[in-house]
Amino acid sequence: MANRMCSVEWCSNEITDGCGSKGGLPICDTCRGWNYSKKGVSDKQLLERRERWRYWESRMSYLHPKVEKMLEETERKVTSIKRQNK
């Protein structure tokens, strides 16, 4: 039995063999659940949420290299201090 993957981009969840075979989308339960959780939410609210996600994503894209550099410098300092204390 081959593993089938969810067809949503960036999702790495496996799906069952029968999923999507009767005209439904070949997506995992997590991705399918989002479709139900948005019921009762207006289009305006969905667009606002999407904009917040874009903001968070751009912020992380900006901060990630800087945080990695800070962590590397901290690790280097800790290693240096440990050497001195030996």
N, C-alpha and C. Protein backbone atom coordinates (compact mmCIF):
# COMPACT_ATOMS: atom_id res chain seq x y z
N MET A 1 0.84 -1.17 0.00
CA MET A 1 0.00 0.00 0.00
C MET A 1 0.89 1.24 0.00
N ALA A 2 0.77 2.07 -0.99
CA ALA A 2 1.59 3.26 -1.12
C ALA A 2 1.04 4.38 -0.24
N ASN A 3 1.94 5.18 0.30
CA ASN A 3 1.51 6.33 1.08
C ASN A 3 1.06 7.43 0.14
N ARG A 4 -0.08 7.99 0.43
CA ARG A 4 -0.58 9.11 -0.35
C ARG A 4 -0.50 10.35 0.52
N MET A 5 -0.15 11.45 -0.09
CA MET A 5 0.04 12.69 0.65
C MET A 5 -1.09 13.67 0.33
N CYS A 6 -1.37 14.53 1.29
CA CYS A 6 -2.37 15.58 1.13
C CYS A 6 -1.96 16.47 -0.05
N SER A 7 -2.93 16.89 -0.84
CA SER A 7 -2.61 17.69 -2.03
C SER A 7 -2.48 19.18 -1.74
N VAL A 8 -2.69 19.59 -0.49
CA VAL A 8 -2.53 21.00 -0.13
C VAL A 8 -1.03 21.30 -0.06
N GLU A 9 -0.62 22.37 -0.73
CA GLU A 9 0.78 22.75 -0.75
C GLU A 9 1.28 22.98 0.67
N TRP A 10 2.45 22.55 1.00
CA TRP A 10 3.13 22.66 2.29
C TRP A 10 2.60 21.68 3.34
N CYS A 11 1.57 20.91 3.05
CA CYS A 11 1.05 19.93 4.01
C CYS A 11 1.73 18.60 3.73
N SER A 12 2.22 17.96 4.77
CA SER A 12 2.93 16.69 4.58
C SER A 12 2.19 15.53 5.25
N ASN A 13 0.91 15.71 5.52
CA ASN A 13 0.12 14.64 6.14
C ASN A 13 -0.26 13.58 5.12
N GLU A 14 -0.34 12.35 5.59
CA GLU A 14 -0.77 11.25 4.74
C GLU A 14 -2.29 11.20 4.70
N ILE A 15 -2.83 10.66 3.61
CA ILE A 15 -4.27 10.48 3.49
C ILE A 15 -4.55 9.01 3.21
N THR A 16 -5.77 8.59 3.46
CA THR A 16 -6.14 7.20 3.23
C THR A 16 -6.28 6.93 1.74
N ASP A 17 -6.29 5.66 1.37
CA ASP A 17 -6.37 5.28 -0.03
C ASP A 17 -7.68 5.73 -0.68
N GLY A 18 -8.78 5.73 0.04
CA GLY A 18 -10.06 6.09 -0.55
C GLY A 18 -10.33 7.58 -0.58
N CYS A 19 -9.50 8.36 0.05
CA CYS A 19 -9.73 9.80 0.15
C CYS A 19 -9.64 10.45 -1.23
N GLY A 20 -10.69 11.14 -1.62
CA GLY A 20 -10.73 11.84 -2.90
C GLY A 20 -11.16 10.97 -4.07
N SER A 21 -11.47 9.71 -3.81
CA SER A 21 -11.82 8.81 -4.92
C SER A 21 -13.27 8.97 -5.39
N LYS A 22 -14.10 9.63 -4.59
CA LYS A 22 -15.51 9.79 -4.96
C LYS A 22 -15.85 11.24 -5.28
N GLY A 23 -14.88 11.96 -5.79
CA GLY A 23 -15.13 13.33 -6.22
C GLY A 23 -14.71 14.38 -5.20
N GLY A 24 -14.39 13.96 -3.98
CA GLY A 24 -13.92 14.91 -2.98
C GLY A 24 -12.47 15.27 -3.20
N LEU A 25 -12.01 16.24 -2.44
CA LEU A 25 -10.62 16.65 -2.56
C LEU A 25 -9.71 15.64 -1.86
N PRO A 26 -8.57 15.33 -2.43
CA PRO A 26 -7.63 14.43 -1.79
C PRO A 26 -6.78 15.17 -0.75
N ILE A 27 -7.43 15.56 0.34
CA ILE A 27 -6.74 16.32 1.39
C ILE A 27 -6.92 15.62 2.73
N CYS A 28 -6.04 15.94 3.67
CA CYS A 28 -6.06 15.30 4.98
C CYS A 28 -7.18 15.89 5.85
N ASP A 29 -7.42 15.24 6.98
CA ASP A 29 -8.48 15.68 7.89
C ASP A 29 -8.22 17.08 8.44
N THR A 30 -6.97 17.41 8.68
CA THR A 30 -6.63 18.73 9.21
C THR A 30 -7.00 19.83 8.22
N CYS A 31 -6.62 19.64 6.98
CA CYS A 31 -6.92 20.64 5.95
C CYS A 31 -8.42 20.69 5.66
N ARG A 32 -9.06 19.55 5.70
CA ARG A 32 -10.51 19.49 5.46
C ARG A 32 -11.25 20.19 6.61
N GLY A 33 -10.76 20.03 7.83
CA GLY A 33 -11.40 20.64 8.99
C GLY A 33 -11.42 22.15 8.92
N TRP A 34 -10.39 22.75 8.29
CA TRP A 34 -10.36 24.20 8.18
C TRP A 34 -11.56 24.69 7.39
N ASN A 35 -11.98 23.94 6.41
CA ASN A 35 -13.13 24.33 5.59
C ASN A 35 -14.38 24.47 6.46
N TYR A 36 -14.53 23.59 7.46
CA TYR A 36 -15.69 23.66 8.32
C TYR A 36 -15.55 24.74 9.38
N SER A 37 -14.35 25.02 9.81
CA SER A 37 -14.17 26.03 10.86
C SER A 37 -14.42 27.44 10.35
N LYS A 38 -14.36 27.64 9.04
CA LYS A 38 -14.58 28.99 8.51
C LYS A 38 -16.06 29.30 8.29
N LYS A 39 -16.93 28.32 8.51
CA LYS A 39 -18.36 28.58 8.33
C LYS A 39 -18.80 29.62 9.36
N GLY A 40 -19.59 30.56 8.93
CA GLY A 40 -20.06 31.62 9.81
C GLY A 40 -19.09 32.79 9.88
N VAL A 41 -17.98 32.70 9.19
CA VAL A 41 -17.00 33.78 9.16
C VAL A 41 -17.18 34.52 7.84
N SER A 42 -17.25 35.83 7.93
CA SER A 42 -17.49 36.63 6.72
C SER A 42 -16.24 36.67 5.85
N ASP A 43 -16.44 37.04 4.59
CA ASP A 43 -15.33 37.17 3.66
C ASP A 43 -14.34 38.23 4.15
N LYS A 44 -14.87 39.30 4.72
CA LYS A 44 -14.01 40.37 5.23
C LYS A 44 -13.10 39.83 6.33
N GLN A 45 -13.65 39.02 7.22
CA GLN A 45 -12.85 38.44 8.30
C GLN A 45 -11.79 37.50 7.76
N LEU A 46 -12.14 36.72 6.73
CA LEU A 46 -11.15 35.83 6.12
C LEU A 46 -10.01 36.61 5.48
N LEU A 47 -10.36 37.71 4.80
CA LEU A 47 -9.32 38.55 4.19
C LEU A 47 -8.43 39.19 5.24
N GLU A 48 -9.02 39.62 6.35
CA GLU A 48 -8.23 40.20 7.44
C GLU A 48 -7.28 39.16 8.02
N ARG A 49 -7.78 37.95 8.19
CA ARG A 49 -6.94 36.87 8.72
C ARG A 49 -5.80 36.57 7.76
N ARG A 50 -6.09 36.55 6.48
CA ARG A 50 -5.06 36.29 5.48
C ARG A 50 -3.99 37.38 5.53
N GLU A 51 -4.39 38.63 5.69
CA GLU A 51 -3.43 39.72 5.78
C GLU A 51 -2.56 39.59 7.03
N ARG A 52 -3.16 39.18 8.15
CA ARG A 52 -2.38 38.95 9.37
C ARG A 52 -1.35 37.86 9.14
N TRP A 53 -1.76 36.78 8.48
CA TRP A 53 -0.83 35.68 8.19
C TRP A 53 0.31 36.16 7.30
N ARG A 54 0.00 36.95 6.30
CA ARG A 54 1.04 37.49 5.41
C ARG A 54 2.01 38.35 6.21
N TYR A 55 1.48 39.15 7.11
CA TYR A 55 2.33 40.00 7.95
C TYR A 55 3.25 39.14 8.81
N TRP A 56 2.68 38.12 9.47
CA TRP A 56 3.49 37.24 10.33
C TRP A 56 4.56 36.53 9.51
N GLU A 57 4.19 36.08 8.33
CA GLU A 57 5.15 35.38 7.47
C GLU A 57 6.28 36.31 7.05
N SER A 58 5.96 37.54 6.65
CA SER A 58 7.01 38.47 6.24
C SER A 58 7.88 38.85 7.43
N ARG A 59 7.28 38.97 8.61
CA ARG A 59 8.05 39.29 9.81
C ARG A 59 9.03 38.16 10.13
N MET A 60 8.57 36.91 10.03
CA MET A 60 9.45 35.78 10.30
C MET A 60 10.55 35.68 9.24
N SER A 61 10.23 35.96 8.00
CA SER A 61 11.24 35.93 6.95
C SER A 61 12.33 36.96 7.22
N TYR A 62 11.95 38.08 7.80
CA TYR A 62 12.91 39.13 8.13
C TYR A 62 13.71 38.77 9.38
N LEU A 63 13.03 38.27 10.41
CA LEU A 63 13.68 38.03 11.69
C LEU A 63 14.49 36.75 11.74
N HIS A 64 14.10 35.73 11.01
CA HIS A 64 14.75 34.43 11.12
C HIS A 64 16.27 34.48 10.95
N PRO A 65 16.79 35.11 9.90
CA PRO A 65 18.26 35.16 9.77
C PRO A 65 18.92 35.91 10.92
N LYS A 66 18.28 36.95 11.41
CA LYS A 66 18.84 37.73 12.52
C LYS A 66 18.86 36.92 13.81
N VAL A 67 17.79 36.16 14.06
CA VAL A 67 17.73 35.33 15.25
C VAL A 67 18.76 34.21 15.16
N GLU A 68 18.90 33.61 13.99
CA GLU A 68 19.91 32.57 13.81
C GLU A 68 21.31 33.11 14.11
N LYS A 69 21.60 34.30 13.64
CA LYS A 69 22.90 34.92 13.88
C LYS A 69 23.11 35.16 15.38
N MET A 70 22.08 35.65 16.06
CA MET A 70 22.18 35.87 17.50
C MET A 70 22.43 34.56 18.24
N LEU A 71 21.75 33.49 17.85
CA LEU A 71 21.94 32.20 18.49
C LEU A 71 23.35 31.65 18.25
N GLU A 72 23.86 31.83 17.05
CA GLU A 72 25.21 31.38 16.74
C GLU A 72 26.24 32.13 17.59
N GLU A 73 26.06 33.45 17.73
CA GLU A 73 26.98 34.24 18.55
C GLU A 73 26.91 33.82 20.01
N THR A 74 25.71 33.57 20.50
CA THR A 74 25.54 33.13 21.88
C THR A 74 26.19 31.77 22.09
N GLU A 75 25.99 30.87 21.17
CA GLU A 75 26.60 29.54 21.29
C GLU A 75 28.12 29.64 21.28
N ARG A 76 28.66 30.51 20.44
CA ARG A 76 30.10 30.70 20.38
C ARG A 76 30.63 31.24 21.72
N LYS A 77 29.89 32.20 22.32
CA LYS A 77 30.30 32.76 23.61
C LYS A 77 30.26 31.70 24.70
N VAL A 78 29.21 30.89 24.72
CA VAL A 78 29.08 29.84 25.74
C VAL A 78 30.22 28.84 25.59
N THR A 79 30.53 28.46 24.38
CA THR A 79 31.62 27.52 24.14
C THR A 79 32.95 28.11 24.63
N SER A 80 33.17 29.39 24.36
CA SER A 80 34.39 30.05 24.80
C SER A 80 34.49 30.08 26.33
N ILE A 81 33.41 30.38 26.98
CA ILE A 81 33.39 30.43 28.45
C ILE A 81 33.63 29.04 29.04
N LYS A 82 33.05 28.02 28.44
CA LYS A 82 33.25 26.65 28.91
C LYS A 82 34.72 26.24 28.78
N ARG A 83 35.37 26.66 27.70
CA ARG A 83 36.79 26.35 27.51
C ARG A 83 37.64 27.02 28.58
N GLN A 84 37.29 28.26 28.90
CA GLN A 84 38.05 29.00 29.91
C GLN A 84 37.91 28.40 31.30
N ASN A 85 36.76 27.82 31.60
CA ASN A 85 36.51 27.25 32.93
C ASN A 85 37.10 25.87 33.11
N LYS A 86 37.62 25.25 32.07
CA LYS A 86 38.20 23.90 32.19
C LYS A 86 39.53 23.93 32.85
